[in-house]
Amino acid sequence: MNYIILFTLVIVIVLIILNQKKKSNTTVTVQNQNQSNDSSEKDSTFESNDDFPQSDFVDNYWIPVESKKRVVKINLYIKYKNSRSIISERQFDLYSFSRGAQGYHLHGYCHKKDRIITLSSLGVLEVKDSSTNENIPNIIEYIEKRYKETINYKQDLLFEEYGWAIYILLYLSATSGSVIKKERDIILSFIKSIKGFEELTKEWIDETIIDLYRPGKMEIRNWIKEGIKKSHNFDLLYPWIDKLEALQQGTNKEFQNLKKYILKQIQEIKNA
């Protein structure tokens, strides 16, 4: 009889302990949910605030822009309306920009946030050049104007207008296995011969050629087709192709094949 009473008491105690543990877990879960909700509310509050602490703030205007960042240095004072309609004023040192059809991305140092951020030209309400105190009626036109005054503009423009030619010469040079200094000098001389690009330094050109991406066979052939369709002047390349060919030791079939391919494509266009 005593064993039955003792067993019953043990069962009761175990059930009480389990019930208490269940209540405790439920309390912790509720507390965690509340903490999570509090955190979400705080994040939401911070996110709607102009001082939202992000290491690299990109204002959410969702406009597509080019991947290339074009370098230009301008000290600006901006009155800015972000995508959540919060208006603020800030000192902003522009370092570079990316072009888009609807607007530009402006990359630089924000004195207010004390870090590098990206703003959208769509959010710029008022702006002036801090260095000259000049009011700027159109931020995009002003940036483009200042950009054209930089050496970076010439460097970018070189590849926009003559990248196709430089890559063809580079590919031909690489068909022998590596691009030697004499071949780089020929490409350098070609670039310096183009009107408007004489001011580019030999050091920059040589370093750029060394670091350039080397296109593959099919890629370069597609570029040639595209270039011919766009009426690029391939005639200006022939003297430089001949100079590169003179450096080849023995028969370089890949070099000869690409040269013939260019001539064939041009002839087909003329006959079309």
C-alpha atoms as a PDB file:
ATOM      1  CA  MET A   1       0.000   0.000   0.000  1.00  0.00           C
ATOM      2  CA  ASN A   2       2.821   2.404   0.895  1.00  0.00           C
ATOM      3  CA  TYR A   3       4.495   1.644  -2.446  1.00  0.00           C
ATOM      4  CA  ILE A   4       1.312   2.591  -4.301  1.00  0.00           C
ATOM      5  CA  ILE A   5       1.049   5.922  -2.453  1.00  0.00           C
ATOM      6  CA  LEU A   6       4.752   6.640  -3.036  1.00  0.00           C
ATOM      7  CA  PHE A   7       4.459   5.826  -6.760  1.00  0.00           C
ATOM      8  CA  THR A   8       1.399   8.058  -7.083  1.00  0.00           C
ATOM      9  CA  LEU A   9       3.225  10.959  -5.415  1.00  0.00           C
ATOM     10  CA  VAL A  10       6.181  10.562  -7.793  1.00  0.00           C
ATOM     11  CA  ILE A  11       3.863  10.628 -10.808  1.00  0.00           C
ATOM     12  CA  VAL A  12       2.127  13.783  -9.523  1.00  0.00           C
ATOM     13  CA  ILE A  13       5.470  15.556  -8.925  1.00  0.00           C
ATOM     14  CA  VAL A  14       6.746  14.648 -12.420  1.00  0.00           C
ATOM     15  CA  LEU A  15       3.539  15.974 -14.017  1.00  0.00           C
ATOM     16  CA  ILE A  16       3.838  19.240 -12.027  1.00  0.00           C
ATOM     17  CA  ILE A  17       7.474  19.677 -13.136  1.00  0.00           C
ATOM     18  CA  LEU A  18       6.635  19.012 -16.792  1.00  0.00           C
ATOM     19  CA  ASN A  19       3.735  21.469 -16.674  1.00  0.00           C
ATOM     20  CA  GLN A  20       5.937  24.176 -15.162  1.00  0.00           C
ATOM     21  CA  LYS A  21       8.615  23.585 -17.829  1.00  0.00           C
ATOM     22  CA  LYS A  22       6.022  23.875 -20.603  1.00  0.00           C
ATOM     23  CA  LYS A  23       4.783  27.204 -19.202  1.00  0.00           C
ATOM     24  CA  SER A  24       8.360  28.466 -18.979  1.00  0.00           C
ATOM     25  CA  ASN A  25       9.085  27.559 -22.622  1.00  0.00           C
ATOM     26  CA  THR A  26       5.864  29.244 -23.726  1.00  0.00           C
ATOM     27  CA  THR A  27       6.879  32.425 -21.866  1.00  0.00           C
ATOM     28  CA  VAL A  28      10.346  32.421 -23.473  1.00  0.00           C
ATOM     29  CA  THR A  29       8.822  31.899 -26.931  1.00  0.00           C
ATOM     30  CA  VAL A  30       6.425  34.808 -26.431  1.00  0.00           C
ATOM     31  CA  GLN A  31       9.282  36.985 -25.156  1.00  0.00           C
ATOM     32  CA  ASN A  32      11.414  36.081 -28.192  1.00  0.00           C
ATOM     33  CA  GLN A  33       8.537  36.896 -30.515  1.00  0.00           C
ATOM     34  CA  ASN A  34       8.022  40.221 -28.779  1.00  0.00           C
ATOM     35  CA  GLN A  35      11.743  40.949 -28.992  1.00  0.00           C
ATOM     36  CA  SER A  36      11.683  40.023 -32.683  1.00  0.00           C
ATOM     37  CA  ASN A  37       8.704  42.330 -33.255  1.00  0.00           C
ATOM     38  CA  ASP A  38      10.440  45.105 -31.315  1.00  0.00           C
ATOM     39  CA  SER A  39      13.546  44.603 -33.447  1.00  0.00           C
ATOM     40  CA  SER A  40      11.498  44.763 -36.657  1.00  0.00           C
ATOM     41  CA  GLU A  41       9.846  47.954 -35.458  1.00  0.00           C
ATOM     42  CA  LYS A  42      13.242  49.434 -34.638  1.00  0.00           C
ATOM     43  CA  ASP A  43      14.654  48.430 -38.022  1.00  0.00           C
ATOM     44  CA  SER A  44      11.616  49.897 -39.692  1.00  0.00           C
ATOM     45  CA  THR A  45      12.051  53.098 -37.707  1.00  0.00           C
ATOM     46  CA  PHE A  46      15.727  53.320 -38.615  1.00  0.00           C
ATOM     47  CA  GLU A  47      15.017  52.499 -42.229  1.00  0.00           C
ATOM     48  CA  SER A  48      12.593  55.367 -42.549  1.00  0.00           C
ATOM     49  CA  ASN A  49      15.140  57.639 -40.936  1.00  0.00           C
ATOM     50  CA  ASP A  50      17.882  59.343 -42.910  1.00  0.00           C
ATOM     51  CA  ASP A  51      20.446  58.166 -40.340  1.00  0.00           C
ATOM     52  CA  PHE A  52      19.855  54.452 -41.007  1.00  0.00           C
ATOM     53  CA  PRO A  53      23.219  52.872 -40.057  1.00  0.00           C
ATOM     54  CA  GLN A  54      24.458  51.070 -43.149  1.00  0.00           C
ATOM     55  CA  SER A  55      28.107  50.750 -44.108  1.00  0.00           C
ATOM     56  CA  ASP A  56      27.280  51.385 -47.766  1.00  0.00           C
ATOM     57  CA  PHE A  57      23.979  53.219 -48.187  1.00  0.00           C
ATOM     58  CA  VAL A  58      22.297  52.972 -51.575  1.00  0.00           C
ATOM     59  CA  ASP A  59      19.094  54.956 -51.875  1.00  0.00           C
ATOM     60  CA  ASN A  60      16.310  52.771 -53.206  1.00  0.00           C
ATOM     61  CA  TYR A  61      15.178  54.434 -56.429  1.00  0.00           C
ATOM     62  CA  TRP A  62      15.509  51.205 -58.464  1.00  0.00           C
ATOM     63  CA  ILE A  63      16.879  52.752 -61.645  1.00  0.00           C
ATOM     64  CA  PRO A  64      19.114  50.701 -63.961  1.00  0.00           C
ATOM     65  CA  VAL A  65      22.538  52.232 -64.564  1.00  0.00           C
ATOM     66  CA  GLU A  66      25.746  51.154 -66.279  1.00  0.00           C
ATOM     67  CA  SER A  67      28.174  49.098 -64.206  1.00  0.00           C
ATOM     68  CA  LYS A  68      31.085  51.409 -65.032  1.00  0.00           C
ATOM     69  CA  LYS A  69      31.921  54.122 -62.516  1.00  0.00           C
ATOM     70  CA  ARG A  70      33.240  57.231 -64.247  1.00  0.00           C
ATOM     71  CA  VAL A  71      35.697  59.187 -62.121  1.00  0.00           C
ATOM     72  CA  VAL A  72      35.096  62.887 -61.448  1.00  0.00           C
ATOM     73  CA  LYS A  73      35.860  64.840 -58.263  1.00  0.00           C
ATOM     74  CA  ILE A  74      33.380  67.573 -57.230  1.00  0.00           C
ATOM     75  CA  ASN A  75      32.541  68.959 -53.778  1.00  0.00           C
ATOM     76  CA  LEU A  76      28.786  69.461 -53.577  1.00  0.00           C
ATOM     77  CA  TYR A  77      26.195  70.710 -51.137  1.00  0.00           C
ATOM     78  CA  ILE A  78      22.938  68.869 -51.774  1.00  0.00           C
ATOM     79  CA  LYS A  79      19.349  69.189 -50.678  1.00  0.00           C
ATOM     80  CA  TYR A  80      18.145  65.638 -51.113  1.00  0.00           C
ATOM     81  CA  LYS A  81      14.814  63.817 -51.040  1.00  0.00           C
ATOM     82  CA  ASN A  82      15.245  60.079 -50.641  1.00  0.00           C
ATOM     83  CA  SER A  83      12.903  57.398 -51.970  1.00  0.00           C
ATOM     84  CA  ARG A  84      10.917  57.517 -48.704  1.00  0.00           C
ATOM     85  CA  SER A  85      10.269  61.256 -49.246  1.00  0.00           C
ATOM     86  CA  ILE A  86      12.551  62.313 -46.365  1.00  0.00           C
ATOM     87  CA  ILE A  87      14.332  65.569 -47.164  1.00  0.00           C
ATOM     88  CA  SER A  88      17.797  66.349 -45.806  1.00  0.00           C
ATOM     89  CA  GLU A  89      20.782  68.541 -46.624  1.00  0.00           C
ATOM     90  CA  ARG A  90      24.324  67.256 -46.801  1.00  0.00           C
ATOM     91  CA  GLN A  91      27.878  67.998 -47.842  1.00  0.00           C
ATOM     92  CA  PHE A  92      28.739  65.380 -50.460  1.00  0.00           C
ATOM     93  CA  ASP A  93      32.132  64.803 -52.103  1.00  0.00           C
ATOM     94  CA  LEU A  94      31.389  63.187 -55.454  1.00  0.00           C
ATOM     95  CA  TYR A  95      34.039  60.627 -56.489  1.00  0.00           C
ATOM     96  CA  SER A  96      32.372  58.940 -59.463  1.00  0.00           C
ATOM     97  CA  PHE A  97      29.045  58.412 -61.210  1.00  0.00           C
ATOM     98  CA  SER A  98      27.209  55.736 -63.213  1.00  0.00           C
ATOM     99  CA  ARG A  99      24.938  56.681 -66.113  1.00  0.00           C
ATOM    100  CA  GLY A 100      21.334  55.553 -66.452  1.00  0.00           C
ATOM    101  CA  ALA A 101      18.537  56.348 -68.870  1.00  0.00           C
ATOM    102  CA  GLN A 102      16.287  57.723 -66.097  1.00  0.00           C
ATOM    103  CA  GLY A 103      18.934  59.075 -63.758  1.00  0.00           C
ATOM    104  CA  TYR A 104      22.508  58.732 -62.494  1.00  0.00           C
ATOM    105  CA  HIS A 105      23.972  57.047 -59.435  1.00  0.00           C
ATOM    106  CA  LEU A 106      26.289  59.388 -57.549  1.00  0.00           C
ATOM    107  CA  HIS A 107      29.071  57.695 -55.585  1.00  0.00           C
ATOM    108  CA  GLY A 108      31.000  59.614 -52.951  1.00  0.00           C
ATOM    109  CA  TYR A 109      31.689  60.587 -49.349  1.00  0.00           C
ATOM    110  CA  CYS A 110      28.775  61.922 -47.306  1.00  0.00           C
ATOM    111  CA  HIS A 111      29.924  64.199 -44.459  1.00  0.00           C
ATOM    112  CA  LYS A 112      26.603  63.742 -42.667  1.00  0.00           C
ATOM    113  CA  LYS A 113      26.848  59.957 -42.613  1.00  0.00           C
ATOM    114  CA  ASP A 114      30.660  59.977 -42.418  1.00  0.00           C
ATOM    115  CA  ARG A 115      31.046  57.213 -45.002  1.00  0.00           C
ATOM    116  CA  ILE A 116      30.962  56.359 -48.700  1.00  0.00           C
ATOM    117  CA  ILE A 117      27.384  56.203 -50.008  1.00  0.00           C
ATOM    118  CA  THR A 118      25.495  56.163 -53.292  1.00  0.00           C
ATOM    119  CA  LEU A 119      22.740  58.669 -54.046  1.00  0.00           C
ATOM    120  CA  SER A 120      20.407  59.006 -57.015  1.00  0.00           C
ATOM    121  CA  SER A 121      20.226  62.104 -59.181  1.00  0.00           C
ATOM    122  CA  LEU A 122      16.433  61.642 -59.015  1.00  0.00           C
ATOM    123  CA  GLY A 123      16.522  62.683 -55.370  1.00  0.00           C
ATOM    124  CA  VAL A 124      18.524  65.887 -55.837  1.00  0.00           C
ATOM    125  CA  LEU A 125      16.248  68.882 -55.180  1.00  0.00           C
ATOM    126  CA  GLU A 126      18.889  71.610 -54.979  1.00  0.00           C
ATOM    127  CA  VAL A 127      22.659  71.490 -55.400  1.00  0.00           C
ATOM    128  CA  LYS A 128      25.624  73.825 -55.559  1.00  0.00           C
ATOM    129  CA  ASP A 129      29.357  73.469 -56.050  1.00  0.00           C
ATOM    130  CA  SER A 130      30.884  73.984 -52.596  1.00  0.00           C
ATOM    131  CA  SER A 131      34.232  75.050 -54.073  1.00  0.00           C
ATOM    132  CA  THR A 132      32.784  77.920 -56.123  1.00  0.00           C
ATOM    133  CA  ASN A 133      29.430  78.413 -54.362  1.00  0.00           C
ATOM    134  CA  GLU A 134      27.846  78.111 -57.820  1.00  0.00           C
ATOM    135  CA  ASN A 135      24.206  77.034 -57.969  1.00  0.00           C
ATOM    136  CA  ILE A 136      23.732  74.069 -60.292  1.00  0.00           C
ATOM    137  CA  PRO A 137      20.388  74.005 -62.171  1.00  0.00           C
ATOM    138  CA  ASN A 138      20.964  70.532 -63.671  1.00  0.00           C
ATOM    139  CA  ILE A 139      23.160  68.076 -61.742  1.00  0.00           C
ATOM    140  CA  ILE A 140      23.571  65.613 -64.655  1.00  0.00           C
ATOM    141  CA  GLU A 141      24.621  68.281 -67.171  1.00  0.00           C
ATOM    142  CA  TYR A 142      27.059  69.751 -64.639  1.00  0.00           C
ATOM    143  CA  ILE A 143      28.647  66.373 -63.843  1.00  0.00           C
ATOM    144  CA  GLU A 144      29.060  65.576 -67.547  1.00  0.00           C
ATOM    145  CA  LYS A 145      30.610  68.986 -68.164  1.00  0.00           C
ATOM    146  CA  ARG A 146      33.139  68.536 -65.334  1.00  0.00           C
ATOM    147  CA  TYR A 147      33.806  64.938 -66.355  1.00  0.00           C
ATOM    148  CA  LYS A 148      34.787  66.024 -69.882  1.00  0.00           C
ATOM    149  CA  GLU A 149      37.470  68.239 -68.341  1.00  0.00           C
ATOM    150  CA  THR A 150      39.260  65.246 -66.783  1.00  0.00           C
ATOM    151  CA  ILE A 151      41.886  62.863 -68.175  1.00  0.00           C
ATOM    152  CA  ASN A 152      39.560  60.043 -67.109  1.00  0.00           C
ATOM    153  CA  TYR A 153      37.110  61.185 -69.782  1.00  0.00           C
ATOM    154  CA  LYS A 154      39.749  60.750 -72.489  1.00  0.00           C
ATOM    155  CA  GLN A 155      40.679  57.325 -71.160  1.00  0.00           C
ATOM    156  CA  ASP A 156      37.055  56.155 -71.106  1.00  0.00           C
ATOM    157  CA  LEU A 157      36.327  57.697 -74.498  1.00  0.00           C
ATOM    158  CA  LEU A 158      39.290  55.870 -76.028  1.00  0.00           C
ATOM    159  CA  PHE A 159      37.697  52.496 -75.351  1.00  0.00           C
ATOM    160  CA  GLU A 160      34.193  53.629 -76.204  1.00  0.00           C
ATOM    161  CA  GLU A 161      35.317  54.748 -79.670  1.00  0.00           C
ATOM    162  CA  TYR A 162      38.338  52.566 -80.397  1.00  0.00           C
ATOM    163  CA  GLY A 163      38.108  49.640 -77.996  1.00  0.00           C
ATOM    164  CA  TRP A 164      37.218  47.335 -80.901  1.00  0.00           C
ATOM    165  CA  ALA A 165      40.508  48.198 -82.650  1.00  0.00           C
ATOM    166  CA  ILE A 166      42.656  47.924 -79.537  1.00  0.00           C
ATOM    167  CA  TYR A 167      41.234  44.496 -78.696  1.00  0.00           C
ATOM    168  CA  ILE A 168      41.835  43.226 -82.248  1.00  0.00           C
ATOM    169  CA  LEU A 169      45.482  44.322 -82.097  1.00  0.00           C
ATOM    170  CA  LEU A 170      45.803  42.819 -78.623  1.00  0.00           C
ATOM    171  CA  TYR A 171      44.303  39.513 -79.780  1.00  0.00           C
ATOM    172  CA  LEU A 172      46.668  39.351 -82.776  1.00  0.00           C
ATOM    173  CA  SER A 173      49.608  40.051 -80.482  1.00  0.00           C
ATOM    174  CA  ALA A 174      48.564  37.278 -78.109  1.00  0.00           C
ATOM    175  CA  THR A 175      48.291  34.637 -80.861  1.00  0.00           C
ATOM    176  CA  SER A 176      52.033  34.003 -80.501  1.00  0.00           C
ATOM    177  CA  GLY A 177      51.529  33.060 -76.838  1.00  0.00           C
ATOM    178  CA  SER A 178      52.299  36.302 -75.014  1.00  0.00           C
ATOM    179  CA  VAL A 179      52.232  40.028 -75.697  1.00  0.00           C
ATOM    180  CA  ILE A 180      55.828  41.215 -75.733  1.00  0.00           C
ATOM    181  CA  LYS A 181      57.047  44.782 -75.187  1.00  0.00           C
ATOM    182  CA  LYS A 182      57.585  45.417 -78.927  1.00  0.00           C
ATOM    183  CA  GLU A 183      53.964  44.437 -79.624  1.00  0.00           C
ATOM    184  CA  ARG A 184      52.689  46.666 -76.813  1.00  0.00           C
ATOM    185  CA  ASP A 185      54.732  49.533 -78.282  1.00  0.00           C
ATOM    186  CA  ILE A 186      52.979  49.067 -81.631  1.00  0.00           C
ATOM    187  CA  ILE A 187      49.557  49.204 -79.966  1.00  0.00           C
ATOM    188  CA  LEU A 188      50.742  52.239 -77.979  1.00  0.00           C
ATOM    189  CA  SER A 189      51.843  53.987 -81.159  1.00  0.00           C
ATOM    190  CA  PHE A 190      48.473  53.229 -82.757  1.00  0.00           C
ATOM    191  CA  ILE A 191      46.644  54.859 -79.810  1.00  0.00           C
ATOM    192  CA  LYS A 192      48.915  57.912 -79.842  1.00  0.00           C
ATOM    193  CA  SER A 193      48.280  58.294 -83.578  1.00  0.00           C
ATOM    194  CA  ILE A 194      44.526  58.772 -83.079  1.00  0.00           C
ATOM    195  CA  LYS A 195      43.573  62.433 -83.191  1.00  0.00           C
ATOM    196  CA  GLY A 196      42.436  63.713 -79.792  1.00  0.00           C
ATOM    197  CA  PHE A 197      44.217  61.057 -77.732  1.00  0.00           C
ATOM    198  CA  GLU A 198      47.809  62.296 -78.052  1.00  0.00           C
ATOM    199  CA  GLU A 199      47.775  63.572 -74.470  1.00  0.00           C
ATOM    200  CA  LEU A 200      47.357  60.093 -72.962  1.00  0.00           C
ATOM    201  CA  THR A 201      50.632  59.138 -71.300  1.00  0.00           C
ATOM    202  CA  LYS A 202      52.757  56.236 -72.513  1.00  0.00           C
ATOM    203  CA  GLU A 203      52.880  54.892 -68.951  1.00  0.00           C
ATOM    204  CA  TRP A 204      49.080  54.760 -68.652  1.00  0.00           C
ATOM    205  CA  ILE A 205      48.657  53.180 -72.090  1.00  0.00           C
ATOM    206  CA  ASP A 206      51.281  50.502 -71.437  1.00  0.00           C
ATOM    207  CA  GLU A 207      49.861  49.625 -68.009  1.00  0.00           C
ATOM    208  CA  THR A 208      46.363  49.481 -69.502  1.00  0.00           C
ATOM    209  CA  ILE A 209      47.435  47.141 -72.306  1.00  0.00           C
ATOM    210  CA  ILE A 210      49.116  44.821 -69.789  1.00  0.00           C
ATOM    211  CA  ASP A 211      45.952  44.668 -67.658  1.00  0.00           C
ATOM    212  CA  LEU A 212      43.453  44.340 -70.516  1.00  0.00           C
ATOM    213  CA  TYR A 213      41.120  41.365 -70.726  1.00  0.00           C
ATOM    214  CA  ARG A 214      42.187  38.931 -73.474  1.00  0.00           C
ATOM    215  CA  PRO A 215      39.191  37.993 -75.657  1.00  0.00           C
ATOM    216  CA  GLY A 216      38.713  34.474 -77.041  1.00  0.00           C
ATOM    217  CA  LYS A 217      38.553  33.481 -80.721  1.00  0.00           C
ATOM    218  CA  MET A 218      34.753  33.451 -81.087  1.00  0.00           C
ATOM    219  CA  GLU A 219      34.384  36.586 -78.985  1.00  0.00           C
ATOM    220  CA  ILE A 220      36.802  38.603 -81.101  1.00  0.00           C
ATOM    221  CA  ARG A 221      35.146  37.396 -84.314  1.00  0.00           C
ATOM    222  CA  ASN A 222      31.731  38.507 -83.051  1.00  0.00           C
ATOM    223  CA  TRP A 223      33.205  41.908 -82.184  1.00  0.00           C
ATOM    224  CA  ILE A 224      34.610  42.184 -85.704  1.00  0.00           C
ATOM    225  CA  LYS A 225      31.193  41.393 -87.236  1.00  0.00           C
ATOM    226  CA  GLU A 226      29.540  43.936 -84.961  1.00  0.00           C
ATOM    227  CA  GLY A 227      32.214  46.528 -85.731  1.00  0.00           C
ATOM    228  CA  ILE A 228      31.795  46.118 -89.467  1.00  0.00           C
ATOM    229  CA  LYS A 229      28.007  46.478 -89.141  1.00  0.00           C
ATOM    230  CA  LYS A 230      28.602  49.719 -87.232  1.00  0.00           C
ATOM    231  CA  SER A 231      30.836  50.934 -90.089  1.00  0.00           C
ATOM    232  CA  HIS A 232      34.025  51.106 -88.038  1.00  0.00           C
ATOM    233  CA  ASN A 233      36.992  52.135 -90.158  1.00  0.00           C
ATOM    234  CA  PHE A 234      39.045  48.944 -90.319  1.00  0.00           C
ATOM    235  CA  ASP A 235      41.378  50.517 -92.887  1.00  0.00           C
ATOM    236  CA  LEU A 236      43.165  52.429 -90.140  1.00  0.00           C
ATOM    237  CA  LEU A 237      44.194  49.090 -88.582  1.00  0.00           C
ATOM    238  CA  TYR A 238      45.994  47.569 -91.574  1.00  0.00           C
ATOM    239  CA  PRO A 239      49.364  49.388 -91.168  1.00  0.00           C
ATOM    240  CA  TRP A 240      49.486  48.315 -87.513  1.00  0.00           C
ATOM    241  CA  ILE A 241      48.460  44.744 -88.283  1.00  0.00           C
ATOM    242  CA  ASP A 242      51.342  44.620 -90.788  1.00  0.00           C
ATOM    243  CA  LYS A 243      53.757  45.901 -88.124  1.00  0.00           C
ATOM    244  CA  LEU A 244      52.602  43.178 -85.712  1.00  0.00           C
ATOM    245  CA  GLU A 245      52.856  40.558 -88.452  1.00  0.00           C
ATOM    246  CA  ALA A 246      56.497  41.529 -89.093  1.00  0.00           C
ATOM    247  CA  LEU A 247      57.318  40.555 -85.509  1.00  0.00           C
ATOM    248  CA  GLN A 248      55.915  37.047 -85.839  1.00  0.00           C
ATOM    249  CA  GLN A 249      58.520  34.280 -85.909  1.00  0.00           C
ATOM    250  CA  GLY A 250      57.647  31.628 -88.453  1.00  0.00           C
ATOM    251  CA  THR A 251      54.090  31.004 -89.626  1.00  0.00           C
ATOM    252  CA  ASN A 252      51.441  32.067 -87.102  1.00  0.00           C
ATOM    253  CA  LYS A 253      48.282  30.418 -88.442  1.00  0.00           C
ATOM    254  CA  GLU A 254      45.930  32.050 -85.940  1.00  0.00           C
ATOM    255  CA  PHE A 255      47.293  35.489 -86.816  1.00  0.00           C
ATOM    256  CA  GLN A 256      46.856  34.809 -90.548  1.00  0.00           C
ATOM    257  CA  ASN A 257      43.379  33.339 -90.065  1.00  0.00           C
ATOM    258  CA  LEU A 258      42.099  36.398 -88.179  1.00  0.00           C
ATOM    259  CA  LYS A 259      43.609  38.768 -90.729  1.00  0.00           C
ATOM    260  CA  LYS A 260      41.874  36.858 -93.536  1.00  0.00           C
ATOM    261  CA  TYR A 261      38.638  36.779 -91.538  1.00  0.00           C
ATOM    262  CA  ILE A 262      38.609  40.592 -91.236  1.00  0.00           C
ATOM    263  CA  LEU A 263      39.190  41.011 -94.972  1.00  0.00           C
ATOM    264  CA  LYS A 264      36.486  38.460 -95.790  1.00  0.00           C
ATOM    265  CA  GLN A 265      33.902  40.135 -93.535  1.00  0.00           C
ATOM    266  CA  ILE A 266      34.623  43.565 -95.009  1.00  0.00           C
ATOM    267  CA  GLN A 267      34.331  42.205 -98.556  1.00  0.00           C
ATOM    268  CA  GLU A 268      30.998  40.529 -97.752  1.00  0.00           C
ATOM    269  CA  ILE A 269      29.615  43.795 -96.413  1.00  0.00           C
ATOM    270  CA  LYS A 270      30.759  45.639 -99.550  1.00  0.00           C
ATOM    271  CA  ASN A 271      29.144  43.031-101.803  1.00  0.00           C
ATOM    272  CA  ALA A 272      25.867  42.955 -99.853  1.00  0.00           C
END
